[in-house]
Protein backbone atom coordinates (compact mmCIF):
# COMPACT_ATOMS: atom_id res chain seq x y z
CA UNK A 1 16.55 -0.74 -3.02
CA UNK A 2 14.85 -2.27 -6.03
CA UNK A 3 11.34 -3.49 -5.49
CA UNK A 4 12.32 -7.13 -6.45
CA UNK A 5 14.61 -7.23 -3.51
CA UNK A 6 12.49 -5.37 -1.15
CA UNK A 7 9.64 -8.13 -1.87
CA UNK A 8 12.34 -10.76 -1.33
CA UNK A 9 13.18 -9.66 2.04
CA UNK A 10 9.59 -9.16 3.05
CA UNK A 11 8.71 -12.56 1.90
CA UNK A 12 11.63 -14.21 3.65
CA UNK A 13 11.17 -12.40 6.72
CA UNK A 14 9.60 -14.00 9.85
CA UNK A 15 10.67 -11.69 12.38
CA UNK A 16 7.86 -8.81 13.07
CA UNK A 17 10.38 -6.61 14.71
CA UNK A 18 12.58 -6.59 11.94
CA UNK A 19 9.67 -5.96 9.54
CA UNK A 20 8.44 -3.04 11.38
CA UNK A 21 12.17 -1.35 12.55
CA UNK A 22 13.99 -2.36 9.16
CA UNK A 23 11.61 -2.79 6.33
CA UNK A 24 8.99 0.00 7.11
CA UNK A 25 6.01 -2.24 8.04
CA UNK A 26 3.67 -0.38 10.37
CA UNK A 27 0.24 0.79 11.05
CA UNK A 28 -1.16 3.71 8.82
CA UNK A 29 1.33 3.60 5.95
CA UNK A 30 0.77 4.85 2.55
CA UNK A 31 1.44 2.97 -0.93
CA UNK A 32 1.22 5.45 -3.71
CA UNK A 33 0.47 4.11 -7.55
CA UNK A 34 -0.01 5.53 -10.95
CA UNK A 35 -2.82 3.33 -12.46
CA UNK A 36 -6.31 3.77 -13.61
CA UNK A 37 -8.08 3.73 -10.28
CA UNK A 38 -11.45 1.96 -11.32
CA UNK A 39 -9.31 -0.91 -12.92
CA UNK A 40 -7.14 -1.02 -9.87
CA UNK A 41 -10.27 -1.35 -7.46
CA UNK A 42 -11.62 -3.95 -9.66
CA UNK A 43 -8.36 -6.15 -9.79
CA UNK A 44 -8.24 -6.09 -5.96
CA UNK A 45 -11.86 -7.07 -5.67
CA UNK A 46 -10.90 -10.24 -7.83
CA UNK A 47 -8.22 -10.94 -5.48
CA UNK A 48 -8.01 -11.21 -2.04
CA UNK A 49 -9.97 -8.06 -1.08
CA UNK A 50 -13.42 -6.94 -0.20
CA UNK A 51 -15.36 -3.79 -0.21
CA UNK A 52 -16.18 -2.40 2.88
CA UNK A 53 -17.46 0.83 2.30
CA UNK A 54 -17.35 3.48 -0.37
CA UNK A 55 -17.81 7.23 -0.26
CA UNK A 56 -16.04 10.40 -1.16
CA UNK A 57 -16.73 14.38 -1.85
CA UNK A 58 -15.45 16.86 -4.03
CA UNK A 59 -13.97 14.66 -6.62
CA UNK A 60 -12.27 12.54 -4.17
CA UNK A 61 -13.27 8.69 -4.23
CA UNK A 62 -12.51 7.00 -1.00
CA UNK A 63 -13.01 3.18 -0.84
CA UNK A 64 -12.41 1.35 2.71
CA UNK A 65 -11.55 -2.17 1.39
CA UNK A 66 -10.41 -5.43 3.79
CA UNK A 67 -7.78 -7.95 3.26
CA UNK A 68 -10.08 -11.23 3.17
CA UNK A 69 -7.72 -13.14 5.47
CA UNK A 70 -8.07 -10.29 8.06
CA UNK A 71 -6.10 -7.93 10.23
CA UNK A 72 -5.46 -5.40 7.35
CA UNK A 73 -7.99 -2.34 6.18
CA UNK A 74 -7.29 0.16 3.75
CA UNK A 75 -8.13 3.25 2.45
CA UNK A 76 -8.08 3.34 -1.23
CA UNK A 77 -8.30 6.92 -2.87
CA UNK A 78 -8.35 8.21 -6.25
CA UNK A 79 -5.73 10.86 -5.85
CA UNK A 80 -2.62 11.57 -3.63
CA UNK A 81 -3.03 15.22 -2.12
CA UNK A 82 -0.64 17.20 -0.28
CA UNK A 83 -2.48 16.34 3.11
CA UNK A 84 -1.44 12.68 2.19
CA UNK A 85 2.40 13.57 1.84
CA UNK A 86 2.21 15.63 4.99
CA UNK A 87 0.34 13.04 6.86
CA UNK A 88 2.52 9.95 5.70
CA UNK A 89 5.69 11.68 6.05
CA UNK A 90 6.76 11.63 2.47
CA UNK A 91 9.62 14.43 3.21
CA UNK A 92 11.66 15.86 0.39
CA UNK A 93 9.96 13.43 -2.05
CA UNK A 94 6.54 14.91 -1.45
CA UNK A 95 6.29 17.25 -4.64
CA UNK A 96 7.68 14.88 -7.06
CA UNK A 97 5.34 12.36 -5.70
CA UNK A 98 2.45 14.38 -5.87
CA UNK A 99 3.20 14.83 -9.54
CA UNK A 100 4.10 11.34 -10.42
CA UNK A 101 1.25 9.06 -8.61
CA UNK A 102 -2.44 9.31 -8.62
CA UNK A 103 -3.90 6.66 -6.18
CA UNK A 104 -2.97 6.49 -2.54
CA UNK A 105 -3.45 3.64 -0.58
CA UNK A 106 -3.26 3.50 3.31
CA UNK A 107 -2.73 0.52 5.18
CA UNK A 108 -4.24 0.12 8.73
CA UNK A 109 -4.27 -2.58 11.27
CA UNK A 110 -7.67 -3.83 11.95
CA UNK A 111 -7.96 -5.65 15.03
CA UNK A 112 -11.72 -6.44 15.08
CA UNK A 113 -10.95 -9.00 12.58
CA UNK A 114 -7.56 -10.57 13.08
CA UNK A 115 -5.92 -13.75 11.33
CA UNK A 116 -5.43 -16.24 14.24
CA UNK A 117 -1.85 -16.74 15.27
CA UNK A 118 -0.54 -14.06 12.79
CA UNK A 119 1.43 -11.19 14.06
CA UNK A 120 -0.42 -8.06 12.18
CA UNK A 121 2.81 -6.76 10.81
CA UNK A 122 3.14 -9.99 8.94
CA UNK A 123 -0.22 -9.52 7.65
CA UNK A 124 0.61 -5.95 6.51
CA UNK A 125 3.67 -7.45 4.95
CA UNK A 126 1.58 -9.80 2.69
CA UNK A 127 -0.52 -6.86 1.44
CA UNK A 128 2.51 -5.01 0.70
CA UNK A 129 4.04 -7.78 -1.32
CA UNK A 130 0.66 -8.35 -3.03
CA UNK A 131 0.76 -4.77 -4.34
CA UNK A 132 4.46 -5.08 -5.48
CA UNK A 133 3.87 -8.09 -7.30
CA UNK A 134 0.70 -6.53 -9.01
CA UNK A 135 2.65 -3.39 -9.90
CA UNK A 136 5.37 -5.65 -11.69
CA UNK A 137 2.74 -7.65 -13.33
CA UNK A 138 0.79 -5.07 -14.61
CA UNK A 139 3.62 -2.71 -15.40
CA UNK A 140 2.50 0.36 -13.17
CA UNK A 141 4.67 2.59 -11.27
CA UNK A 142 4.45 2.14 -7.33
CA UNK A 143 6.08 3.70 -4.35
CA UNK A 144 6.20 2.24 -0.80
CA UNK A 145 6.89 5.67 0.96
CA UNK A 146 6.73 3.89 4.33
CA UNK A 147 10.19 2.75 3.59
CA UNK A 148 13.53 4.93 4.19
CA UNK A 149 14.65 5.80 1.49
CA UNK A 150 11.12 4.92 -0.47
CA UNK A 151 11.10 1.88 -2.58
CA UNK A 152 9.95 3.00 -5.97
CA UNK A 153 9.21 0.76 -9.18
CA UNK A 154 9.02 2.68 -12.45
CA UNK A 155 8.69 0.07 -15.49
CA UNK A 156 10.24 0.94 -18.66
CA UNK A 157 8.03 2.54 -21.31
């Protein structure tokens, strides 16, 4: 499925069960990008996101960033590792994805700060929509590996 089609389905879907079962929206899901890490984090923080915590070791930078309305917390890392591809179930595409993407974002349900009257799957879908629109606007490759088959966007060079 093309990214614009996927985003349209997410934008128009009001059924949390369908978001989860058919469109891959769930807790602990990974989004991969090929982007300048520092610029990506700065762009997030200039939008609807805020830094919660930052750290790292052995060359891995790991930021914990919150979706400002709430419900979603994400782990943004400056690399994609074999551990990520195994942990997030990328399957047969993992070797190619390791070679083609340099940033991983793991989306998590954050129940301590929920958006009132909003199902958590709708909140996670909104973050996925934001990322997809960002990738198209900036012309950066992105992969929603939580969708089967993965939804990827690779702009023409």
